[in-house]
Amino acid sequence: MNSRLLGTGSYLPERVVSNAELSETVDTSDEWIIARTGIGQRHIVAAGQTTGDMAIAAAQKALQAAGIDGRAVDLVVVATTTPDNTFPATAGKVQAEIGAAGAFFDIQAVCSGFVYALSVVDALLKTGAHRTALVIGADALSRIVDWQDRNTCILFGDGAGAVVLQAEPATGAPVRGILSTHLHGAGATRDLLYVDGGAGSNQKTGFIHMEGRDVFKHAVAKLAECTLESLEANGLNVADVAGFIPHQANQRILDALAKKLEIPADKVVSTVAKHANTSAASIPLALDDAMQQGRFKAGDVLSMQAIGGGLAWGSALIRL
């Protein structure tokens, strides 16, 4: 069996916070932020709005794009660092809202969450355990950002992106769907990017902390490595890929990755300027943005790569 991508969808909160607005409350400027990150604005959830609300909106759009009724979905997986509750899983809220049945669960791998979720769901579909899945990346990082810390508050935004995957016989050539996924992690580097608390065993609420220079170096090196790993596993090279959709953390990281792998700039999807870093939502948001623009067509190969807190990283290769 193979996991075909049938549709994409996304959601961004209505409120947009510009760099200029941020500069009114923290020591920064539009020029400073753009020069160091490429970010021009970010979307922020409204009071009372949750990760689950965003995930539902993105899921509904993905189902519509796929031409699939929610009742046909038998697996819902949400990648998120900011769930609505410690338990039950946010994916259960999505399942109930779209009228699906079957299994649901959340995955927590921070910015790599969507790639991790794709890997797990791909395996479940290929075994025949499930047939139609919703995979969603959704985060409200504005809820765990210290808005007085200019080193982190400028980087993050909120949003959700979703894809519909369906199992089908892997017949014919070339095979379409998820070609392979490759996951990695190094727990020893967990102190480079973390939240000092959370709704868990330490019973604290915390904020994001990051060693920016170190994370940057790890990001470029490891994103390049896992991208090449996925290409080599499938007997492909950079020229065979129609589009690269990296985690949208920082434009400088995207530029450095493209330079390292000699990827033409027009093949790299970038939404960081208008979305900022939306963690697990960033890749599916960028994917849906590109699909809405008609950048890709059936048969195109897409390469996705992400790295985040943990540090955890990975890649996925998909043929539309």
Protein backbone atom coordinates (compact mmCIF):
# COMPACT_ATOMS: atom_id res chain seq x y z
CA MET A 1 0.00 0.00 0.00
CA ASN A 2 1.00 3.61 -0.47
CA SER A 3 -0.09 6.86 1.22
CA ARG A 4 -1.47 9.29 -1.37
CA LEU A 5 -1.89 12.98 -0.60
CA LEU A 6 -5.42 13.94 -1.65
CA GLY A 7 -5.80 17.49 -0.37
CA THR A 8 -4.35 20.29 1.73
CA GLY A 9 -5.85 23.03 3.87
CA SER A 10 -4.76 25.74 6.28
CA TYR A 11 -5.94 28.34 8.75
CA LEU A 12 -4.40 31.56 10.08
CA PRO A 13 -5.90 33.70 12.87
CA GLU A 14 -7.36 37.04 11.82
CA ARG A 15 -5.12 39.19 13.98
CA VAL A 16 -1.85 40.16 12.29
CA VAL A 17 0.99 41.64 14.38
CA SER A 18 3.54 43.56 12.33
CA ASN A 19 7.15 44.17 13.26
CA ALA A 20 6.29 47.83 13.70
CA GLU A 21 3.65 46.94 16.29
CA LEU A 22 6.13 44.75 18.17
CA SER A 23 8.62 47.60 18.25
CA GLU A 24 6.14 49.58 20.36
CA THR A 25 6.46 47.14 23.27
CA VAL A 26 9.96 45.64 22.94
CA ASP A 27 13.35 47.04 21.94
CA THR A 28 13.41 46.08 18.26
CA SER A 29 12.55 47.43 14.81
CA ASP A 30 11.19 46.24 11.51
CA GLU A 31 14.62 46.58 9.90
CA TRP A 32 16.33 44.62 12.70
CA ILE A 33 13.85 41.73 12.55
CA ILE A 34 13.83 41.45 8.76
CA ALA A 35 17.63 41.55 8.56
CA ARG A 36 18.03 38.71 11.06
CA THR A 37 15.00 36.54 10.31
CA GLY A 38 13.18 37.62 7.16
CA ILE A 39 9.96 37.82 9.19
CA GLY A 40 7.65 40.75 8.49
CA GLN A 41 4.55 39.77 10.46
CA ARG A 42 2.87 36.96 12.38
CA HIS A 43 -0.73 35.84 13.02
CA ILE A 44 -1.89 35.63 16.65
CA VAL A 45 -4.86 33.72 18.06
CA ALA A 46 -7.75 35.66 19.51
CA ALA A 47 -8.72 35.53 23.17
CA GLY A 48 -10.49 32.23 23.77
CA GLN A 49 -9.29 30.73 20.48
CA THR A 50 -7.38 27.45 20.80
CA THR A 51 -5.08 25.17 18.85
CA GLY A 52 -8.01 22.82 18.40
CA ASP A 53 -10.12 25.56 16.81
CA MET A 54 -7.38 26.26 14.27
CA ALA A 55 -6.84 22.56 13.61
CA ILE A 56 -10.55 22.06 12.88
CA ALA A 57 -10.63 24.96 10.42
CA ALA A 58 -7.58 23.65 8.55
CA ALA A 59 -8.96 20.11 8.56
CA GLN A 60 -12.26 21.20 7.05
CA LYS A 61 -10.47 22.97 4.19
CA ALA A 62 -8.26 19.95 3.53
CA LEU A 63 -11.29 17.65 3.42
CA GLN A 64 -13.01 20.00 0.99
CA ALA A 65 -9.92 20.10 -1.24
CA ALA A 66 -9.70 16.31 -1.17
CA GLY A 67 -13.40 15.83 -1.87
CA ILE A 68 -13.64 13.63 1.22
CA ASP A 69 -16.44 13.61 3.80
CA GLY A 70 -15.22 13.72 7.38
CA ARG A 71 -17.08 10.49 8.10
CA ALA A 72 -14.68 8.66 5.77
CA VAL A 73 -11.71 9.53 8.00
CA ASP A 74 -10.66 6.72 10.33
CA LEU A 75 -7.49 8.29 11.75
CA VAL A 76 -6.83 11.83 13.01
CA VAL A 77 -3.35 12.88 14.14
CA VAL A 78 -2.47 16.36 15.36
CA ALA A 79 1.14 17.45 15.73
CA THR A 80 1.25 20.18 18.37
CA THR A 81 3.28 21.62 21.22
CA THR A 82 0.34 23.65 22.50
CA PRO A 83 -2.59 21.23 22.94
CA ASP A 84 -5.91 22.46 24.25
CA ASN A 85 -5.59 20.20 27.30
CA THR A 86 -3.01 17.95 28.90
CA PHE A 87 -5.51 15.25 27.95
CA PRO A 88 -7.54 14.23 26.04
CA ALA A 89 -5.69 14.73 22.76
CA THR A 90 -6.58 17.75 20.65
CA ALA A 91 -7.07 15.30 17.77
CA GLY A 92 -10.19 14.02 19.53
CA LYS A 93 -11.77 17.48 19.31
CA VAL A 94 -11.07 17.51 15.58
CA GLN A 95 -12.47 14.01 15.14
CA ALA A 96 -15.72 14.91 16.87
CA GLU A 97 -16.17 18.14 14.92
CA ILE A 98 -15.72 16.56 11.47
CA GLY A 99 -17.85 13.50 12.30
CA ALA A 100 -15.04 10.98 11.93
CA ALA A 101 -14.61 7.68 13.74
CA GLY A 102 -11.70 5.38 14.48
CA ALA A 103 -8.45 6.40 16.16
CA PHE A 104 -6.99 9.75 17.16
CA PHE A 105 -3.87 10.96 18.95
CA ASP A 106 -1.46 13.89 19.24
CA ILE A 107 2.27 13.91 18.49
CA GLN A 108 4.69 16.25 20.26
CA ALA A 109 7.91 16.80 18.33
CA VAL A 110 7.76 20.62 18.30
CA CYS A 111 8.76 22.07 14.92
CA SER A 112 9.42 18.58 13.53
CA GLY A 113 5.97 17.42 14.58
CA PHE A 114 4.37 17.41 11.14
CA VAL A 115 7.17 15.32 9.60
CA TYR A 116 7.03 12.93 12.57
CA ALA A 117 3.26 12.68 12.18
CA LEU A 118 3.58 11.96 8.44
CA SER A 119 6.01 9.15 9.21
CA VAL A 120 3.76 7.48 11.78
CA VAL A 121 0.59 7.84 9.70
CA ASP A 122 2.34 6.58 6.56
CA ALA A 123 3.34 3.43 8.43
CA LEU A 124 -0.21 2.88 9.72
CA LEU A 125 -1.74 3.33 6.28
CA LYS A 126 0.78 1.02 4.63
CA THR A 127 0.01 -1.79 7.08
CA GLY A 128 -3.69 -1.54 6.27
CA ALA A 129 -4.57 -0.58 9.86
CA HIS A 130 -6.28 2.58 8.56
CA ARG A 131 -7.45 3.83 5.18
CA THR A 132 -8.06 7.59 5.32
CA ALA A 133 -6.16 9.93 7.63
CA LEU A 134 -6.08 13.59 8.54
CA VAL A 135 -2.63 14.81 9.51
CA ILE A 136 -2.60 18.28 11.07
CA GLY A 137 0.14 20.55 12.32
CA ALA A 138 -1.24 23.22 14.64
CA ASP A 139 0.31 25.49 17.24
CA ALA A 140 -0.46 28.63 19.22
CA LEU A 141 3.07 29.53 20.21
CA SER A 142 2.00 33.05 21.15
CA ARG A 143 0.66 31.46 24.36
CA ILE A 144 4.14 30.31 25.45
CA VAL A 145 6.22 33.28 24.24
CA ASP A 146 7.65 35.85 26.63
CA TRP A 147 6.56 39.02 24.84
CA GLN A 148 9.29 40.99 26.65
CA ASP A 149 12.08 38.80 25.26
CA ARG A 150 13.03 40.27 21.90
CA ASN A 151 15.22 37.26 21.06
CA THR A 152 12.21 34.95 20.90
CA CYS A 153 8.97 36.95 20.65
CA ILE A 154 9.84 38.22 17.17
CA LEU A 155 10.13 34.69 15.79
CA PHE A 156 6.83 32.98 16.42
CA GLY A 157 3.25 32.99 15.20
CA ASP A 158 0.12 30.84 15.27
CA GLY A 159 -1.63 28.75 12.64
CA ALA A 160 -2.62 25.31 11.40
CA GLY A 161 -2.15 23.25 8.26
CA ALA A 162 -3.64 19.90 7.32
CA VAL A 163 -3.38 17.17 4.70
CA VAL A 164 -5.62 14.23 3.82
CA LEU A 165 -3.81 10.96 3.14
CA GLN A 166 -5.41 7.80 1.81
CA ALA A 167 -4.04 4.29 1.41
CA GLU A 168 -4.10 2.80 -2.06
CA PRO A 169 -2.30 -0.07 -3.83
CA ALA A 170 1.24 0.92 -4.83
CA THR A 171 0.89 -0.08 -8.47
CA GLY A 172 2.36 1.39 -11.60
CA ALA A 173 5.40 3.58 -11.99
CA PRO A 174 6.37 5.99 -10.75
CA VAL A 175 4.79 5.40 -7.35
CA ARG A 176 2.80 8.38 -6.07
CA GLY A 177 2.38 9.31 -2.42
CA ILE A 178 4.83 9.33 0.48
CA LEU A 179 8.05 7.81 -0.88
CA SER A 180 9.91 7.73 2.44
CA THR A 181 10.37 9.49 5.77
CA HIS A 182 13.51 9.76 7.88
CA LEU A 183 13.46 10.72 11.57
CA HIS A 184 16.30 11.65 13.93
CA GLY A 185 16.82 13.11 17.37
CA ALA A 186 19.55 14.09 19.83
CA GLY A 187 18.18 14.47 23.34
CA ALA A 188 21.56 15.65 24.60
CA THR A 189 20.92 18.97 22.81
CA ARG A 190 17.53 19.53 24.45
CA ASP A 191 18.76 22.60 26.36
CA LEU A 192 19.34 24.54 23.12
CA LEU A 193 15.61 25.06 22.57
CA TYR A 194 13.03 24.39 25.27
CA VAL A 195 10.14 25.66 27.37
CA ASP A 196 10.91 25.93 31.08
CA GLY A 197 7.71 24.32 32.20
CA GLY A 198 4.37 23.18 30.86
CA ALA A 199 1.21 21.35 31.84
CA GLY A 200 3.04 18.23 32.98
CA SER A 201 4.99 16.59 35.75
CA ASN A 202 6.66 19.79 36.98
CA GLN A 203 3.33 21.66 37.28
CA LYS A 204 4.81 24.87 35.93
CA THR A 205 3.94 27.24 33.12
CA GLY A 206 6.91 28.46 31.15
CA PHE A 207 8.22 30.30 28.12
CA ILE A 208 10.34 29.44 25.11
CA HIS A 209 14.11 29.71 25.57
CA MET A 210 16.59 29.33 22.72
CA GLU A 211 20.33 29.42 22.07
CA GLY A 212 19.93 30.99 18.65
CA ARG A 213 23.45 30.65 17.25
CA ASP A 214 23.73 26.98 18.18
CA VAL A 215 20.27 26.16 16.86
CA PHE A 216 21.10 27.87 13.57
CA LYS A 217 24.24 25.78 13.07
CA HIS A 218 22.47 22.53 13.91
CA ALA A 219 19.52 23.45 11.69
CA VAL A 220 21.48 24.02 8.50
CA ALA A 221 23.66 20.94 8.93
CA LYS A 222 20.96 18.51 9.95
CA LEU A 223 18.34 19.72 7.48
CA ALA A 224 20.86 19.24 4.68
CA GLU A 225 21.82 15.78 5.92
CA CYS A 226 18.28 14.45 6.19
CA THR A 227 17.32 15.95 2.83
CA LEU A 228 20.17 14.12 1.11
CA GLU A 229 19.29 10.99 3.07
CA SER A 230 15.76 10.97 1.63
CA LEU A 231 16.96 11.63 -1.91
CA GLU A 232 19.58 8.88 -1.76
CA ALA A 233 17.04 6.42 -0.35
CA ASN A 234 14.90 6.94 -3.43
CA GLY A 235 17.64 7.16 -6.06
CA LEU A 236 16.92 10.84 -6.72
CA ASN A 237 18.90 14.07 -6.67
CA VAL A 238 18.16 17.75 -6.14
CA ALA A 239 17.31 18.26 -9.81
CA ASP A 240 14.50 15.67 -9.58
CA VAL A 241 12.66 17.67 -6.92
CA ALA A 242 10.04 20.23 -7.98
CA GLY A 243 9.86 21.93 -4.61
CA PHE A 244 11.60 22.01 -1.24
CA ILE A 245 9.39 22.92 1.73
CA PRO A 246 11.56 23.37 4.82
CA HIS A 247 10.36 24.26 8.29
CA GLN A 248 9.78 28.01 8.19
CA ALA A 249 11.93 29.15 11.10
CA ASN A 250 14.18 31.81 9.65
CA GLN A 251 14.85 32.98 6.10
CA ARG A 252 18.60 32.86 6.75
CA ILE A 253 18.31 29.13 7.50
CA LEU A 254 16.36 28.57 4.30
CA ASP A 255 18.95 30.51 2.30
CA ALA A 256 21.85 28.63 3.90
CA LEU A 257 20.18 25.27 3.23
CA ALA A 258 19.61 26.17 -0.42
CA LYS A 259 23.23 27.28 -0.78
CA LYS A 260 24.60 24.14 0.90
CA LEU A 261 22.58 21.79 -1.34
CA GLU A 262 22.82 24.02 -4.44
CA ILE A 263 19.03 24.30 -4.67
CA PRO A 264 17.74 27.00 -7.06
CA ALA A 265 16.02 29.73 -5.06
CA ASP A 266 12.77 29.36 -7.00
CA LYS A 267 12.45 25.75 -5.83
CA VAL A 268 12.38 26.69 -2.13
CA VAL A 269 8.94 27.50 -0.73
CA SER A 270 9.16 30.35 1.77
CA THR A 271 6.29 31.76 3.80
CA VAL A 272 8.31 32.85 6.83
CA ALA A 273 7.91 36.54 5.94
CA LYS A 274 4.14 36.43 6.41
CA HIS A 275 3.68 33.51 8.82
CA ALA A 276 6.81 33.60 11.05
CA ASN A 277 7.67 30.33 12.82
CA THR A 278 4.45 28.41 13.46
CA SER A 279 6.20 25.26 14.71
CA ALA A 280 4.38 22.07 13.65
CA ALA A 281 2.08 24.12 11.40
CA SER A 282 4.82 25.69 9.31
CA ILE A 283 5.33 22.97 6.67
CA PRO A 284 1.64 22.21 6.02
CA LEU A 285 0.91 25.96 5.94
CA ALA A 286 3.66 26.49 3.38
CA LEU A 287 2.53 23.44 1.39
CA ASP A 288 -1.06 24.65 1.21
CA ASP A 289 0.08 28.16 0.29
CA ALA A 290 2.09 26.74 -2.62
CA MET A 291 -0.76 24.47 -3.74
CA GLN A 292 -3.18 27.41 -3.68
CA GLN A 293 -0.80 29.28 -5.98
CA GLY A 294 -0.68 26.31 -8.37
CA ARG A 295 3.08 25.91 -7.98
CA PHE A 296 2.95 22.11 -8.13
CA LYS A 297 1.14 19.49 -10.21
CA ALA A 298 0.46 15.76 -10.17
CA GLY A 299 3.67 13.79 -10.46
CA ASP A 300 5.89 16.46 -8.88
CA VAL A 301 8.28 15.35 -6.15
CA LEU A 302 8.31 17.48 -2.99
CA SER A 303 10.95 17.41 -0.27
CA MET A 304 10.07 18.45 3.28
CA GLN A 305 12.53 18.88 6.14
CA ALA A 306 12.21 20.15 9.71
CA ILE A 307 14.15 20.56 12.93
CA GLY A 308 12.96 21.71 16.32
CA GLY A 309 13.25 21.38 20.07
CA GLY A 310 14.70 18.13 21.26
CA LEU A 311 16.61 18.54 19.07
CA ALA A 312 14.46 16.43 16.76
CA TRP A 313 14.65 16.53 12.98
CA GLY A 314 13.58 14.64 9.91
CA SER A 315 12.56 14.69 6.27
CA ALA A 316 9.81 13.37 4.01
CA LEU A 317 9.74 12.86 0.27
CA ILE A 318 6.37 12.87 -1.52
CA ARG A 319 5.28 12.48 -5.12
CA LEU A 320 1.97 14.23 -5.80
